[in-house]
Amino acid sequence: MAIASLNWAAYFPKLLWIKRACPLCSSVRFKTAESYPFDGPLRLLALRPVRCVNCWRRYYWFAMKDTYQN
C-alpha cells in the first residue's frame, strides 16, 4: 500500500525549469508537443508543452511563445 501512494506524482506534468535539458537522456533538442485537454489552463501560466527528440518524453517549460530549441 505504501508503494501505491508514491505514484501520485507521476500524473503531474514534468517541468523543465532553467536548464532546458532532458533529465532522462540529457538531450537539449526538443520539439513542440501535441496538445492535451489540460494544456489550455497551463498556457495561462506560460507553460508550453515540448517533447524530447531523443527519448520522446513530454515536458513543460516556461515560455511566452511556442518556441523550442533546435
Protein backbone atom coordinates (compact mmCIF):
# COMPACT_ATOMS: atom_id res chain seq x y z
CA MET A 1 0.00 0.00 0.00
CA ALA A 2 2.87 2.39 0.67
CA ILE A 3 4.24 1.81 -2.82
CA ALA A 4 0.92 2.71 -4.44
CA SER A 5 0.85 6.04 -2.64
CA LEU A 6 4.24 7.01 -4.08
CA ASN A 7 3.00 7.01 -7.69
CA TRP A 8 0.68 10.02 -7.31
CA ALA A 9 3.40 12.40 -8.56
CA ALA A 10 3.66 10.56 -11.89
CA TYR A 11 0.39 12.12 -13.05
CA PHE A 12 1.58 15.72 -12.67
CA PRO A 13 3.29 17.45 -15.60
CA LYS A 14 7.07 17.39 -15.54
CA LEU A 15 8.60 20.86 -15.67
CA LEU A 16 11.94 21.93 -17.06
CA TRP A 17 12.98 24.99 -15.08
CA ILE A 18 16.08 26.93 -16.06
CA LYS A 19 18.28 24.27 -17.60
CA ARG A 20 16.44 23.05 -20.68
CA ALA A 21 17.93 19.59 -20.91
CA CYS A 22 16.08 16.31 -20.69
CA PRO A 23 16.66 14.73 -17.26
CA LEU A 24 16.27 11.25 -18.72
CA CYS A 25 18.67 11.35 -21.68
CA SER A 26 20.36 14.78 -21.15
CA SER A 27 19.44 15.90 -24.66
CA VAL A 28 18.94 19.60 -25.41
CA ARG A 29 16.86 19.02 -28.55
CA PHE A 30 13.10 19.46 -28.20
CA LYS A 31 10.09 19.95 -30.45
CA THR A 32 6.59 21.22 -29.80
CA ALA A 33 4.42 18.51 -28.28
CA GLU A 34 0.84 17.63 -29.20
CA SER A 35 -1.94 19.35 -27.29
CA TYR A 36 -3.78 17.69 -24.42
CA PRO A 37 -7.03 18.97 -22.86
CA PHE A 38 -5.30 20.38 -19.76
CA ASP A 39 -2.79 22.38 -21.82
CA GLY A 40 -5.20 25.32 -22.11
CA PRO A 41 -5.11 26.30 -18.42
CA LEU A 42 -1.35 25.72 -18.32
CA ARG A 43 -0.90 28.23 -21.17
CA LEU A 44 -2.29 30.90 -18.86
CA LEU A 45 0.74 30.23 -16.65
CA ALA A 46 3.07 30.47 -19.70
CA LEU A 47 3.78 26.73 -19.67
CA ARG A 48 4.34 25.27 -23.13
CA PRO A 49 4.40 21.53 -23.96
CA VAL A 50 7.59 20.20 -25.55
CA ARG A 51 8.81 16.72 -26.37
CA CYS A 52 12.39 15.44 -26.25
CA VAL A 53 13.61 14.43 -29.70
CA ASN A 54 15.74 11.54 -28.39
CA CYS A 55 13.66 9.78 -25.73
CA TRP A 56 10.23 11.19 -26.70
CA ARG A 57 9.33 12.20 -23.12
CA ARG A 58 6.90 15.10 -22.73
CA TYR A 59 7.75 18.16 -20.61
CA TYR A 60 6.58 21.70 -19.98
CA TRP A 61 8.75 24.79 -19.87
CA PHE A 62 8.13 28.47 -19.26
CA ALA A 63 7.89 30.49 -22.47
CA MET A 64 5.76 33.38 -23.64
CA LYS A 65 5.57 31.93 -27.19
CA ASP A 66 5.57 28.42 -28.62
CA THR A 67 9.30 28.22 -29.25
CA TYR A 68 11.72 25.37 -28.90
CA GLN A 69 15.44 24.80 -29.34
CA ASN A 70 16.95 23.17 -32.44
